[in-house]
C-alpha cells in the first residue's frame, strides 16, 4: 500500500527525483565555478572580463535549471 501512496505523491512530467538531483548538482557546480572565478579575479589571476562572463554564464545555467525544475513540477503527469 505504501508503494501506491508514494506513486500518487510523485508530481511532474519527468521523474521529480531525477530532475531534482540534476538541478541540484548543476546549480551547485555553477555556484562553485562562479566562486572560483571570483577568487581568481580577486587575486589577479583572471581578468575582470573573464570573471563577469563566467558569473553570467553560471547564473544563466543555474537559473535555467531551477526554472526547469519548477516547470517540471507544475506539469503533473496524471495516471488515471
N, C-alpha and C. Protein backbone atom coordinates (compact mmCIF):
# COMPACT_ATOMS: atom_id res chain seq x y z
N UNK A 1 0.82 -1.19 0.00
CA UNK A 1 0.00 0.00 0.00
C UNK A 1 0.87 1.26 0.00
N UNK A 2 2.02 1.19 0.65
CA UNK A 2 2.90 2.35 0.71
C UNK A 2 3.42 2.73 -0.67
N UNK A 3 3.71 1.70 -1.49
CA UNK A 3 4.22 1.96 -2.85
C UNK A 3 3.18 2.71 -3.67
N UNK A 4 1.91 2.35 -3.53
CA UNK A 4 0.84 3.02 -4.26
C UNK A 4 0.72 4.48 -3.82
N UNK A 5 0.82 4.72 -2.51
CA UNK A 5 0.74 6.09 -2.00
C UNK A 5 1.93 6.92 -2.47
N UNK A 6 3.09 6.30 -2.54
CA UNK A 6 4.28 7.03 -2.98
C UNK A 6 4.16 7.41 -4.45
N UNK A 7 3.62 6.51 -5.26
CA UNK A 7 3.43 6.81 -6.68
C UNK A 7 2.45 7.94 -6.88
N UNK A 8 1.42 7.99 -6.05
CA UNK A 8 0.44 9.05 -6.18
C UNK A 8 1.02 10.41 -5.81
N UNK A 9 1.98 10.44 -4.88
CA UNK A 9 2.56 11.70 -4.43
C UNK A 9 3.52 12.28 -5.46
N UNK A 10 4.09 11.45 -6.33
CA UNK A 10 5.05 11.94 -7.32
C UNK A 10 4.35 12.89 -8.27
N UNK A 11 4.97 14.02 -8.48
CA UNK A 11 4.43 15.01 -9.41
C UNK A 11 5.48 15.36 -10.43
N UNK A 12 5.02 15.73 -11.61
CA UNK A 12 5.95 16.19 -12.63
C UNK A 12 5.87 15.35 -13.88
N UNK A 13 6.22 15.96 -14.99
CA UNK A 13 6.20 15.25 -16.26
C UNK A 13 7.32 14.22 -16.30
N UNK A 14 8.50 14.63 -15.86
CA UNK A 14 9.63 13.71 -15.73
C UNK A 14 9.75 13.29 -14.27
N UNK A 15 10.56 12.30 -14.02
CA UNK A 15 10.74 11.81 -12.65
C UNK A 15 11.28 12.95 -11.78
N UNK A 16 10.50 13.39 -10.77
CA UNK A 16 10.93 14.54 -9.95
C UNK A 16 12.23 14.32 -9.20
N UNK A 17 12.51 13.09 -8.78
CA UNK A 17 13.74 12.83 -8.05
C UNK A 17 14.97 13.03 -8.94
N UNK A 18 14.87 12.57 -10.17
CA UNK A 18 15.99 12.73 -11.11
C UNK A 18 16.16 14.21 -11.47
N UNK A 19 15.06 14.90 -11.74
CA UNK A 19 15.13 16.32 -12.08
C UNK A 19 15.70 17.11 -10.92
N UNK A 20 15.28 16.79 -9.70
CA UNK A 20 15.78 17.49 -8.52
C UNK A 20 17.28 17.27 -8.36
N UNK A 21 17.73 16.04 -8.57
CA UNK A 21 19.15 15.73 -8.43
C UNK A 21 19.98 16.44 -9.49
N UNK A 22 19.53 16.40 -10.74
CA UNK A 22 20.27 17.07 -11.81
C UNK A 22 20.29 18.58 -11.57
N UNK A 23 19.16 19.14 -11.18
CA UNK A 23 19.09 20.58 -10.92
C UNK A 23 20.01 20.97 -9.77
N UNK A 24 20.01 20.17 -8.71
CA UNK A 24 20.85 20.47 -7.56
C UNK A 24 22.33 20.45 -7.94
N UNK A 25 22.77 19.39 -8.61
CA UNK A 25 24.19 19.27 -8.93
C UNK A 25 24.63 20.29 -9.96
N UNK A 26 23.77 20.59 -10.93
CA UNK A 26 24.13 21.60 -11.92
C UNK A 26 24.23 22.98 -11.28
N UNK A 27 23.25 23.32 -10.45
CA UNK A 27 23.27 24.62 -9.78
C UNK A 27 24.45 24.72 -8.81
N UNK A 28 24.73 23.64 -8.10
CA UNK A 28 25.88 23.63 -7.18
C UNK A 28 27.20 23.79 -7.93
N UNK A 29 27.32 23.14 -9.06
CA UNK A 29 28.53 23.27 -9.88
C UNK A 29 28.69 24.69 -10.38
N UNK A 30 27.59 25.30 -10.81
CA UNK A 30 27.64 26.69 -11.28
C UNK A 30 28.07 27.63 -10.17
N UNK A 31 27.57 27.42 -8.98
CA UNK A 31 27.96 28.26 -7.84
C UNK A 31 29.44 28.08 -7.54
N UNK A 32 29.91 26.84 -7.55
CA UNK A 32 31.33 26.57 -7.29
C UNK A 32 32.22 27.22 -8.34
N UNK A 33 31.86 27.10 -9.61
CA UNK A 33 32.66 27.71 -10.68
C UNK A 33 32.67 29.23 -10.54
N UNK A 34 31.52 29.82 -10.21
CA UNK A 34 31.45 31.28 -10.04
C UNK A 34 32.32 31.73 -8.87
N UNK A 35 32.31 30.98 -7.78
CA UNK A 35 33.14 31.34 -6.62
C UNK A 35 34.62 31.24 -6.97
N UNK A 36 35.02 30.20 -7.67
CA UNK A 36 36.42 30.06 -8.07
C UNK A 36 36.83 31.20 -9.00
N UNK A 37 35.95 31.56 -9.95
CA UNK A 37 36.25 32.67 -10.86
C UNK A 37 36.40 33.97 -10.09
N UNK A 38 35.55 34.18 -9.11
CA UNK A 38 35.66 35.40 -8.29
C UNK A 38 36.96 35.43 -7.49
N UNK A 39 37.33 34.30 -6.92
CA UNK A 39 38.59 34.24 -6.18
C UNK A 39 39.79 34.49 -7.09
N UNK A 40 39.76 33.92 -8.29
CA UNK A 40 40.85 34.16 -9.24
C UNK A 40 40.93 35.63 -9.63
N UNK A 41 39.79 36.27 -9.78
CA UNK A 41 39.79 37.69 -10.14
C UNK A 41 40.27 38.55 -8.96
N UNK A 42 39.90 38.17 -7.76
CA UNK A 42 40.34 38.92 -6.58
C UNK A 42 41.86 38.86 -6.46
N UNK A 43 42.44 37.70 -6.71
CA UNK A 43 43.89 37.54 -6.59
C UNK A 43 44.62 37.85 -7.90
N UNK A 44 43.92 38.46 -8.85
CA UNK A 44 44.50 38.94 -10.11
C UNK A 44 45.07 37.82 -10.98
N UNK A 45 44.51 36.62 -10.87
CA UNK A 45 44.90 35.53 -11.76
C UNK A 45 44.01 35.49 -12.99
N UNK A 46 42.89 36.15 -12.93
CA UNK A 46 41.97 36.22 -14.07
C UNK A 46 41.50 37.66 -14.20
N UNK A 47 41.22 38.05 -15.41
CA UNK A 47 40.79 39.42 -15.64
C UNK A 47 39.33 39.63 -15.27
N UNK A 48 38.96 40.87 -15.19
CA UNK A 48 37.59 41.24 -14.84
C UNK A 48 36.60 40.76 -15.89
N UNK A 49 37.02 40.79 -17.16
CA UNK A 49 36.14 40.35 -18.24
C UNK A 49 35.80 38.87 -18.11
N UNK A 50 36.80 38.06 -17.79
CA UNK A 50 36.57 36.63 -17.61
C UNK A 50 35.66 36.38 -16.42
N UNK A 51 35.86 37.14 -15.37
CA UNK A 51 35.03 36.99 -14.18
C UNK A 51 33.56 37.21 -14.51
N UNK A 52 33.23 38.32 -15.15
CA UNK A 52 31.82 38.62 -15.40
C UNK A 52 31.20 37.67 -16.41
N UNK A 53 31.97 37.23 -17.39
CA UNK A 53 31.43 36.25 -18.34
C UNK A 53 31.15 34.91 -17.65
N UNK A 54 32.06 34.50 -16.78
CA UNK A 54 31.87 33.23 -16.06
C UNK A 54 30.69 33.31 -15.11
N UNK A 55 30.60 34.37 -14.36
CA UNK A 55 29.49 34.52 -13.40
C UNK A 55 28.17 34.61 -14.15
N UNK A 56 28.13 35.35 -15.25
CA UNK A 56 26.89 35.47 -16.03
C UNK A 56 26.49 34.12 -16.63
N UNK A 57 27.46 33.37 -17.15
CA UNK A 57 27.16 32.05 -17.70
C UNK A 57 26.62 31.12 -16.64
N UNK A 58 27.26 31.12 -15.48
CA UNK A 58 26.79 30.26 -14.39
C UNK A 58 25.41 30.68 -13.91
N UNK A 59 25.15 31.96 -13.86
CA UNK A 59 23.83 32.43 -13.44
C UNK A 59 22.75 32.00 -14.42
N UNK A 60 23.04 32.08 -15.71
CA UNK A 60 22.06 31.67 -16.72
C UNK A 60 21.82 30.16 -16.66
N UNK A 61 22.88 29.37 -16.56
CA UNK A 61 22.71 27.91 -16.50
C UNK A 61 22.00 27.51 -15.21
N UNK A 62 22.43 28.06 -14.07
CA UNK A 62 21.77 27.74 -12.80
C UNK A 62 20.32 28.17 -12.77
N UNK A 63 20.05 29.38 -13.25
CA UNK A 63 18.67 29.85 -13.31
C UNK A 63 17.81 29.01 -14.23
N UNK A 64 18.40 28.57 -15.34
CA UNK A 64 17.67 27.70 -16.26
C UNK A 64 17.33 26.36 -15.64
N UNK A 65 18.24 25.80 -14.88
CA UNK A 65 17.97 24.52 -14.22
C UNK A 65 16.91 24.66 -13.15
N UNK A 66 16.94 25.76 -12.40
CA UNK A 66 15.90 25.99 -11.39
C UNK A 66 14.55 26.17 -12.07
N UNK A 67 14.53 26.92 -13.17
CA UNK A 67 13.28 27.12 -13.91
C UNK A 67 12.77 25.79 -14.47
N UNK A 68 13.67 24.95 -14.97
CA UNK A 68 13.28 23.64 -15.48
C UNK A 68 12.66 22.79 -14.39
N UNK A 69 13.22 22.82 -13.20
CA UNK A 69 12.67 22.06 -12.08
C UNK A 69 11.27 22.55 -11.73
N UNK A 70 11.09 23.87 -11.69
CA UNK A 70 9.78 24.43 -11.35
C UNK A 70 8.75 24.07 -12.41
N UNK A 71 9.12 24.21 -13.69
CA UNK A 71 8.17 23.88 -14.76
C UNK A 71 7.83 22.39 -14.73
N UNK A 72 8.81 21.54 -14.47
CA UNK A 72 8.53 20.11 -14.39
C UNK A 72 7.56 19.79 -13.26
N UNK A 73 7.68 20.48 -12.14
CA UNK A 73 6.78 20.20 -11.02
C UNK A 73 5.38 20.77 -11.27
N UNK A 74 5.27 21.78 -12.14
CA UNK A 74 3.95 22.33 -12.46
C UNK A 74 3.16 21.37 -13.34
N UNK A 75 3.83 20.80 -14.34
CA UNK A 75 3.13 19.88 -15.25
C UNK A 75 3.05 18.51 -14.61
N UNK A 76 1.90 18.19 -14.14
CA UNK A 76 1.66 16.97 -13.41
C UNK A 76 1.28 15.87 -14.39
N UNK A 77 1.91 14.72 -14.26
CA UNK A 77 1.56 13.56 -15.08
C UNK A 77 0.41 12.85 -14.36
N UNK A 78 -0.72 12.87 -14.99
CA UNK A 78 -1.90 12.24 -14.36
C UNK A 78 -2.05 10.82 -14.87
N UNK A 79 -1.98 9.87 -13.98
CA UNK A 79 -2.16 8.47 -14.35
C UNK A 79 -3.51 8.01 -13.80
N UNK A 80 -4.45 7.89 -14.71
CA UNK A 80 -5.81 7.51 -14.30
C UNK A 80 -6.22 6.22 -14.92
